[in-house]
Amino acid sequence: MEPTRFRREVAGWLADNLTGEFARLRGLGGPGREHEAFDLRLAWERHLAAAGWTCVGWPAEFGGRGLSLDEQVAFHEEYAASGAPARVNHIGEQLLGPTLIAFGTPEQRNRFLPKIVAVEELWCQGYSEPGAGSDLAAVSTSAVLRDGEWVVNGQKIWTSLAHVADWCFVVARTEPGSQRHHGLSYLLVPLRQDGVTVRPIQQLTGTSEFNEVFIDDARTPADLVVGAPGDGWKIAMATLGFERGVSTLGQQIGFRRELDDITADAKRLGTYDDPLLRADLTRARLGLRVLRAHALRTLGRPAGPEVAVGKLLWAQWHRGLGELAMRARGARSLVASGDELDDAQRLYLFTRADTIYGGSDEIERNIIAERVLGLPREARP
């Protein structure tokens, strides 16, 4: 379909459907705000699914719409521009689904993909651990085959949305005595079972969208390993590549809305008269154009270490935006109204995490230096 016509179709559908009870969802959800109207956002996402607007980039044979890259960009940008709420199923749709399409068995695809498309099962990502942090190769969660099942033991942390998820894709060590990226496997583990305890972690914002997950003799069938046992590192890296795909262009629309709101705040409160703040707001707007140019430049390429550049760029930019939000509000930004944070305060506090989660800046710089630029490896213990 011609891109402009398709954009009109998406925008028209959103305008017609973000009405009634769904109208109050505009602008809700997203990082630091995942608690907002979660049940109604889940109902909205199932409404999207019924109309065929979930998993739009997946091939039609797996339940998607098979949209071209240009059409996917249009969908994500129009979705964000409409003010539609943050998606609740993005981990299943954007991470696990593409991973199963690329590496899963026919049985795994038949079992899980339709329920992701219909938003009937929610997923979370079991990567980080207390003793590993951003170093995924240092995980110690273990799994052994016993009587036709994987028996899993360990602990995961910073597990976003685990408290509402039904399943978790877990990187576990399945070869005793193995080290680093050897001997890891990528397992699909049900969370609603004895042996799994999910404990929310309170954040600076006062909310708890991520969790620590304790796994004590949890079980999952032997055939729910993606790829062969021992292929976990390769599969996990592929998932991270899918994480930084076309949906980032929709994310940037949200960034632009935040920047517009901060600029309007500064003009209303008089802080826009400060030439230094005004220059930094202009610089932020230029930086946002750089983010978009980089995303478009890398769109459709096979995922590789270059994706670290995109994460490094937007994390630094967005953290700086949180600081600009506080500067725009001046001294009043330091005072909260009771237990409630305003949008600027929440943005500032949550963006402290942007340069840590999803791959810390230090890890991303090492990836760029060693795997893209070919520089010598950093000294390691």
Protein backbone atom coordinates (compact mmCIF):
# COMPACT_ATOMS: atom_id res chain seq x y z
CA MET A 1 0.00 0.00 0.00
CA GLU A 2 1.17 3.55 -0.75
CA PRO A 3 2.81 4.89 2.48
CA THR A 4 0.72 8.06 2.82
CA ARG A 5 -2.50 6.13 2.31
CA PHE A 6 -1.42 3.55 4.88
CA ARG A 7 -0.62 6.28 7.41
CA ARG A 8 -4.11 7.67 6.93
CA GLU A 9 -5.59 4.21 7.50
CA VAL A 10 -3.66 3.77 10.77
CA ALA A 11 -4.39 7.28 12.00
CA GLY A 12 -8.07 6.94 11.12
CA TRP A 13 -8.44 3.62 12.93
CA LEU A 14 -6.76 5.00 16.04
CA ALA A 15 -8.94 8.13 16.02
CA ASP A 16 -12.08 6.01 15.68
CA ASN A 17 -11.08 3.56 18.43
CA LEU A 18 -9.38 5.68 21.08
CA THR A 19 -12.83 6.65 22.24
CA GLY A 20 -15.19 5.78 25.07
CA GLU A 21 -13.38 4.17 27.98
CA PHE A 22 -10.21 3.89 25.88
CA ALA A 23 -10.02 7.68 25.47
CA ARG A 24 -8.63 8.10 28.97
CA LEU A 25 -5.66 5.91 28.07
CA ARG A 26 -4.01 8.59 25.95
CA GLY A 27 -0.46 9.18 27.11
CA LEU A 28 -0.51 6.50 29.81
CA GLY A 29 2.06 3.78 30.47
CA GLY A 30 5.66 3.41 29.40
CA PRO A 31 8.93 3.30 31.35
CA GLY A 32 8.39 4.50 34.90
CA ARG A 33 4.61 4.49 34.34
CA GLU A 34 3.82 0.85 33.59
CA HIS A 35 1.46 0.77 36.58
CA GLU A 36 -0.94 3.24 34.97
CA ALA A 37 -4.34 1.72 34.07
CA PHE A 38 -2.73 -1.65 33.38
CA ASP A 39 -5.97 -3.66 33.14
CA LEU A 40 -7.56 -1.19 30.74
CA ARG A 41 -4.37 -1.04 28.66
CA LEU A 42 -4.48 -4.84 28.46
CA ALA A 43 -8.09 -4.64 27.26
CA TRP A 44 -7.02 -2.03 24.68
CA GLU A 45 -4.25 -4.27 23.41
CA ARG A 46 -6.67 -7.16 23.00
CA HIS A 47 -8.90 -4.74 21.09
CA LEU A 48 -5.91 -4.04 18.81
CA ALA A 49 -5.42 -7.78 18.37
CA ALA A 50 -9.04 -8.35 17.38
CA ALA A 51 -8.60 -5.75 14.62
CA GLY A 52 -5.28 -7.21 13.43
CA TRP A 53 -3.03 -4.46 14.75
CA THR A 54 -0.65 -6.55 16.88
CA CYS A 55 2.58 -8.11 15.59
CA VAL A 56 2.23 -6.06 12.40
CA GLY A 57 5.76 -6.83 11.20
CA TRP A 58 5.50 -10.59 11.62
CA PRO A 59 4.98 -12.68 8.48
CA ALA A 60 1.33 -13.47 7.80
CA GLU A 61 1.99 -17.20 8.19
CA PHE A 62 2.72 -16.57 11.88
CA GLY A 63 -0.32 -14.39 12.51
CA GLY A 64 1.13 -10.99 11.64
CA ARG A 65 0.27 -8.54 8.90
CA GLY A 66 3.54 -8.92 7.00
CA LEU A 67 4.00 -5.15 6.74
CA SER A 68 6.98 -3.74 4.88
CA LEU A 69 9.57 -1.77 6.83
CA ASP A 70 8.11 1.52 5.58
CA GLU A 71 4.65 0.45 6.72
CA GLN A 72 5.97 -0.67 10.11
CA VAL A 73 7.63 2.72 10.58
CA ALA A 74 4.37 4.41 9.66
CA PHE A 75 2.38 2.27 12.09
CA HIS A 76 4.67 2.86 15.07
CA GLU A 77 4.96 6.58 14.38
CA GLU A 78 1.21 7.08 13.95
CA TYR A 79 0.52 4.98 17.04
CA ALA A 80 2.82 7.17 19.12
CA ALA A 81 1.59 10.41 17.55
CA SER A 82 -2.01 9.52 18.43
CA GLY A 83 -1.17 9.40 22.12
CA ALA A 84 -2.23 5.75 22.31
CA PRO A 85 -1.04 4.05 25.52
CA ALA A 86 2.22 2.17 25.92
CA ARG A 87 1.91 -1.46 24.90
CA VAL A 88 1.74 -4.16 27.59
CA ASN A 89 2.79 -7.05 25.33
CA HIS A 90 5.92 -5.56 23.80
CA ILE A 91 8.30 -8.15 25.30
CA GLY A 92 6.35 -11.00 23.73
CA GLU A 93 5.66 -9.21 20.46
CA GLN A 94 8.99 -7.52 19.85
CA LEU A 95 11.45 -9.88 21.55
CA LEU A 96 10.28 -13.45 22.03
CA GLY A 97 8.05 -13.67 18.96
CA PRO A 98 10.76 -12.75 16.43
CA THR A 99 13.16 -15.06 18.28
CA LEU A 100 10.79 -18.02 17.92
CA ILE A 101 10.14 -17.17 14.28
CA ALA A 102 13.90 -17.24 13.65
CA PHE A 103 14.98 -20.13 15.88
CA GLY A 104 11.95 -21.93 17.34
CA THR A 105 10.63 -25.35 16.39
CA PRO A 106 7.28 -25.64 14.58
CA GLU A 107 5.77 -26.93 17.82
CA GLN A 108 7.06 -23.95 19.80
CA ARG A 109 5.75 -21.52 17.20
CA ASN A 110 2.33 -23.18 17.14
CA ARG A 111 2.15 -23.21 20.92
CA PHE A 112 3.23 -19.64 21.69
CA LEU A 113 2.89 -17.30 18.69
CA PRO A 114 -0.94 -17.29 18.43
CA LYS A 115 -1.26 -16.38 22.12
CA ILE A 116 1.22 -13.51 21.70
CA VAL A 117 -0.72 -12.21 18.70
CA ALA A 118 -4.00 -12.42 20.68
CA VAL A 119 -2.37 -10.97 23.84
CA GLU A 120 -3.51 -14.00 25.82
CA GLU A 121 -0.09 -14.66 27.40
CA LEU A 122 2.38 -12.02 28.62
CA TRP A 123 6.15 -12.49 28.73
CA CYS A 124 9.17 -11.15 30.60
CA GLN A 125 12.92 -11.49 30.07
CA GLY A 126 15.08 -13.49 32.49
CA TYR A 127 18.59 -12.24 31.76
CA SER A 128 20.15 -10.10 34.52
CA GLU A 129 21.25 -11.59 37.83
CA PRO A 130 22.47 -10.05 41.12
CA GLY A 131 26.01 -11.31 40.54
CA ALA A 132 26.13 -10.64 36.81
CA GLY A 133 24.55 -7.23 36.14
CA SER A 134 25.00 -6.30 32.50
CA ASP A 135 27.44 -9.18 31.96
CA LEU A 136 25.06 -11.80 30.60
CA ALA A 137 27.87 -14.32 30.16
CA ALA A 138 28.35 -14.40 33.95
CA VAL A 139 24.91 -15.86 34.75
CA SER A 140 24.81 -18.67 37.29
CA THR A 141 21.15 -19.72 37.13
CA SER A 142 21.31 -23.44 36.32
CA ALA A 143 19.04 -26.00 34.71
CA VAL A 144 19.34 -29.78 34.53
CA LEU A 145 17.27 -32.32 32.61
CA ARG A 146 15.39 -34.67 34.90
CA ASP A 147 12.54 -37.01 33.94
CA GLY A 148 11.75 -35.14 30.73
CA GLU A 149 11.82 -31.66 32.30
CA TRP A 150 14.30 -28.88 32.88
CA VAL A 151 14.65 -28.21 36.61
CA VAL A 152 15.74 -24.59 37.03
CA ASN A 153 17.38 -22.94 40.04
CA GLY A 154 18.72 -19.42 40.48
CA GLN A 155 17.74 -15.79 40.75
CA LYS A 156 17.00 -13.10 38.17
CA ILE A 157 16.75 -9.40 38.90
CA TRP A 158 15.53 -6.18 37.25
CA THR A 159 12.98 -8.40 35.49
CA SER A 160 10.56 -5.90 33.96
CA LEU A 161 6.85 -6.79 34.21
CA ALA A 162 7.48 -10.20 35.80
CA HIS A 163 4.67 -9.46 38.27
CA VAL A 164 2.12 -9.49 35.42
CA ALA A 165 3.80 -12.01 33.10
CA ASP A 166 2.74 -15.60 32.51
CA TRP A 167 6.03 -16.79 31.02
CA CYS A 168 9.72 -15.86 31.09
CA PHE A 169 12.48 -16.64 28.60
CA VAL A 170 15.41 -17.55 30.83
CA VAL A 171 19.12 -17.78 30.05
CA ALA A 172 20.44 -20.60 32.25
CA ARG A 173 23.63 -22.61 32.53
CA THR A 174 22.90 -26.17 31.42
CA GLU A 175 26.46 -27.54 31.24
CA PRO A 176 27.96 -27.93 34.73
CA GLY A 177 31.41 -26.40 34.98
CA SER A 178 31.01 -24.27 31.86
CA GLN A 179 32.15 -20.66 31.90
CA ARG A 180 31.24 -17.40 30.24
CA HIS A 181 29.09 -17.75 27.09
CA HIS A 182 29.66 -21.50 26.79
CA GLY A 183 27.13 -23.96 28.16
CA LEU A 184 24.14 -21.60 28.25
CA SER A 185 20.63 -22.44 27.07
CA TYR A 186 17.54 -20.36 26.32
CA LEU A 187 14.55 -21.82 28.16
CA LEU A 188 10.86 -20.93 28.15
CA VAL A 189 9.67 -21.13 31.76
CA PRO A 190 6.11 -20.71 33.10
CA LEU A 191 6.03 -18.25 36.00
CA ARG A 192 2.74 -19.30 37.56
CA GLN A 193 4.05 -22.41 39.30
CA ASP A 194 5.37 -23.50 42.67
CA GLY A 195 9.06 -22.73 42.80
CA VAL A 196 8.84 -19.25 41.28
CA THR A 197 8.61 -16.22 43.58
CA VAL A 198 8.31 -12.74 42.09
CA ARG A 199 9.14 -9.83 44.39
CA PRO A 200 8.67 -6.24 43.13
CA ILE A 201 11.51 -3.75 43.63
CA GLN A 202 10.53 -0.19 44.52
CA GLN A 203 12.19 2.40 42.29
CA LEU A 204 13.09 6.05 42.83
CA THR A 205 9.73 6.98 41.31
CA GLY A 206 7.92 5.02 44.03
CA THR A 207 6.60 2.50 41.51
CA SER A 208 7.66 -1.11 40.96
CA GLU A 209 7.68 -2.15 37.33
CA PHE A 210 10.64 -4.48 37.66
CA ASN A 211 11.24 -7.35 40.04
CA GLU A 212 13.56 -9.94 41.46
CA VAL A 213 12.59 -13.49 40.59
CA PHE A 214 13.60 -16.43 42.78
CA ILE A 215 13.60 -19.80 40.99
CA ASP A 216 13.70 -22.88 43.21
CA ASP A 217 13.27 -26.22 41.42
CA ALA A 218 10.93 -24.63 38.87
CA ARG A 219 10.13 -26.90 35.95
CA THR A 220 9.53 -26.61 32.25
CA PRO A 221 9.22 -29.36 29.58
CA ALA A 222 12.41 -30.59 27.94
CA ASP A 223 11.28 -29.39 24.50
CA LEU A 224 10.95 -25.76 25.63
CA VAL A 225 14.58 -24.91 24.89
CA VAL A 226 14.97 -22.55 21.92
CA GLY A 227 17.72 -23.81 19.65
CA ALA A 228 19.87 -26.65 20.89
CA PRO A 229 21.05 -26.87 24.51
CA GLY A 230 24.22 -24.81 24.67
CA ASP A 231 23.03 -22.33 22.01
CA GLY A 232 21.75 -19.88 24.62
CA TRP A 233 24.31 -17.17 24.00
CA LYS A 234 23.59 -17.03 20.27
CA ILE A 235 19.81 -16.96 20.82
CA ALA A 236 20.04 -14.36 23.60
CA MET A 237 22.14 -12.05 21.42
CA ALA A 238 19.63 -12.38 18.59
CA THR A 239 16.82 -11.39 20.97
CA LEU A 240 18.73 -8.26 21.97
CA GLY A 241 19.06 -7.38 18.30
CA PHE A 242 15.28 -7.62 17.85
CA GLU A 243 14.83 -5.37 20.91
CA ARG A 244 16.27 -2.40 19.05
CA GLY A 245 14.21 -2.60 15.90
CA VAL A 246 11.62 -0.51 14.12
CA SER A 247 9.58 0.27 17.24
CA THR A 248 12.34 2.65 18.37
CA LEU A 249 10.98 5.14 15.81
CA GLY A 250 7.71 5.19 17.73
CA GLN A 251 9.69 5.64 20.94
CA GLN A 252 11.24 8.76 19.41
CA ILE A 253 7.80 10.26 18.80
CA GLY A 254 7.23 9.93 22.54
CA PHE A 255 10.58 11.61 23.15
CA ARG A 256 9.54 14.49 20.92
CA ARG A 257 6.29 14.91 22.85
CA GLU A 258 8.26 15.06 26.11
CA LEU A 259 10.59 17.67 24.62
CA ASP A 260 7.64 19.72 23.37
CA ASP A 261 6.06 19.62 26.84
CA ILE A 262 9.32 20.72 28.49
CA THR A 263 9.70 23.60 26.04
CA ALA A 264 6.10 24.70 26.68
CA ASP A 265 6.74 24.51 30.44
CA ALA A 266 9.83 26.70 30.12
CA LYS A 267 7.92 29.31 28.12
CA ARG A 268 5.01 29.31 30.56
CA LEU A 269 7.24 29.63 33.62
CA GLY A 270 9.67 32.16 32.15
CA THR A 271 12.76 29.95 32.30
CA TYR A 272 12.88 29.96 28.49
CA ASP A 273 14.36 33.45 28.80
CA ASP A 274 17.60 31.82 30.02
CA PRO A 275 19.78 31.66 26.90
CA LEU A 276 21.67 28.61 28.19
CA LEU A 277 18.47 26.63 28.72
CA ARG A 278 17.14 27.76 25.35
CA ALA A 279 20.36 26.64 23.64
CA ASP A 280 20.21 23.25 25.36
CA LEU A 281 16.58 22.74 24.32
CA THR A 282 17.58 23.50 20.74
CA ARG A 283 20.50 21.10 21.00
CA ALA A 284 18.14 18.42 22.31
CA ARG A 285 15.87 18.91 19.29
CA LEU A 286 18.84 18.48 16.96
CA GLY A 287 19.89 15.38 18.90
CA LEU A 288 16.45 13.89 18.37
CA ARG A 289 16.90 14.29 14.62
CA VAL A 290 20.22 12.45 14.91
CA LEU A 291 18.46 9.57 16.72
CA ARG A 292 15.92 9.30 13.93
CA ALA A 293 18.56 9.47 11.20
CA HIS A 294 20.57 6.71 12.86
CA ALA A 295 17.49 4.52 13.35
CA LEU A 296 16.50 4.91 9.69
CA ARG A 297 20.07 4.27 8.54
CA THR A 298 20.25 0.93 10.34
CA LEU A 299 16.67 -0.18 9.70
CA GLY A 300 16.39 -3.57 8.05
CA ARG A 301 20.03 -4.51 8.49
CA PRO A 302 20.93 -7.78 10.20
CA ALA A 303 21.31 -7.17 13.93
CA GLY A 304 24.97 -6.83 14.88
CA PRO A 305 27.14 -5.08 17.44
CA GLU A 306 26.36 -1.76 15.73
CA VAL A 307 22.99 -1.74 17.52
CA ALA A 308 24.97 -0.73 20.63
CA VAL A 309 25.43 2.69 19.03
CA GLY A 310 21.68 3.31 18.97
CA LYS A 311 21.23 2.34 22.62
CA LEU A 312 24.15 4.55 23.66
CA LEU A 313 22.76 7.51 21.70
CA TRP A 314 19.19 7.45 22.97
CA ALA A 315 20.07 6.61 26.58
CA GLN A 316 22.41 9.59 26.88
CA TRP A 317 19.96 11.86 25.08
CA HIS A 318 16.96 10.85 27.18
CA ARG A 319 18.82 11.14 30.48
CA GLY A 320 19.81 14.67 29.46
CA LEU A 321 16.16 15.39 28.67
CA GLY A 322 15.23 14.49 32.24
CA GLU A 323 17.73 17.06 33.47
CA LEU A 324 16.30 19.67 31.10
CA ALA A 325 12.81 18.97 32.46
CA MET A 326 13.97 19.93 35.95
CA ARG A 327 15.83 23.03 34.74
CA ALA A 328 12.76 24.19 32.84
CA ARG A 329 10.69 24.11 36.03
CA GLY A 330 13.31 25.92 38.10
CA ALA A 331 13.27 25.74 41.90
CA ARG A 332 9.72 24.36 41.99
CA SER A 333 11.06 21.13 40.49
CA LEU A 334 12.62 20.29 43.87
CA VAL A 335 9.29 20.14 45.71
CA ALA A 336 6.82 17.27 45.39
CA SER A 337 3.11 17.55 46.08
CA GLY A 338 2.61 15.01 48.86
CA ASP A 339 3.55 11.54 47.63
CA GLU A 340 2.89 12.44 43.99
CA LEU A 341 5.61 13.29 41.47
CA ASP A 342 4.82 15.55 38.54
CA ASP A 343 5.77 14.53 34.99
CA ALA A 344 9.10 16.39 35.07
CA GLN A 345 10.17 14.84 38.37
CA ARG A 346 9.18 11.34 37.25
CA LEU A 347 11.00 11.80 33.96
CA TYR A 348 14.15 13.00 35.71
CA LEU A 349 14.21 10.19 38.26
CA PHE A 350 13.40 7.37 35.86
CA THR A 351 15.85 8.46 33.17
CA ARG A 352 18.67 7.91 35.68
CA ALA A 353 18.19 4.26 34.72
CA ASP A 354 18.32 4.76 30.94
CA THR A 355 22.11 4.41 30.80
CA ILE A 356 21.98 1.22 32.90
CA TYR A 357 19.08 -1.01 31.81
CA GLY A 358 19.04 -2.77 28.46
CA GLY A 359 22.84 -2.71 28.42
CA SER A 360 24.82 -0.21 30.48
CA ASP A 361 26.77 2.53 28.72
CA GLU A 362 30.03 0.90 29.82
CA ILE A 363 29.07 -2.42 28.26
CA GLU A 364 27.83 -0.74 25.07
CA ARG A 365 31.09 1.19 24.71
CA ASN A 366 33.10 -2.02 25.11
CA ILE A 367 30.98 -3.71 22.42
CA ILE A 368 31.55 -0.80 20.03
CA ALA A 369 35.27 -0.62 20.79
CA GLU A 370 36.03 -4.31 20.56
CA ARG A 371 33.54 -5.66 18.00
CA VAL A 372 33.02 -2.67 15.71
CA LEU A 373 36.28 -0.72 15.89
CA GLY A 374 38.52 -3.72 16.48
CA LEU A 375 40.32 -2.20 19.46
CA PRO A 376 42.12 -4.44 21.98
CA ARG A 377 39.94 -6.09 24.58
CA GLU A 378 39.63 -4.38 27.92
CA ALA A 379 41.66 -6.03 30.67
CA ARG A 380 39.45 -8.44 32.60
CA PRO A 381 40.08 -10.31 35.84
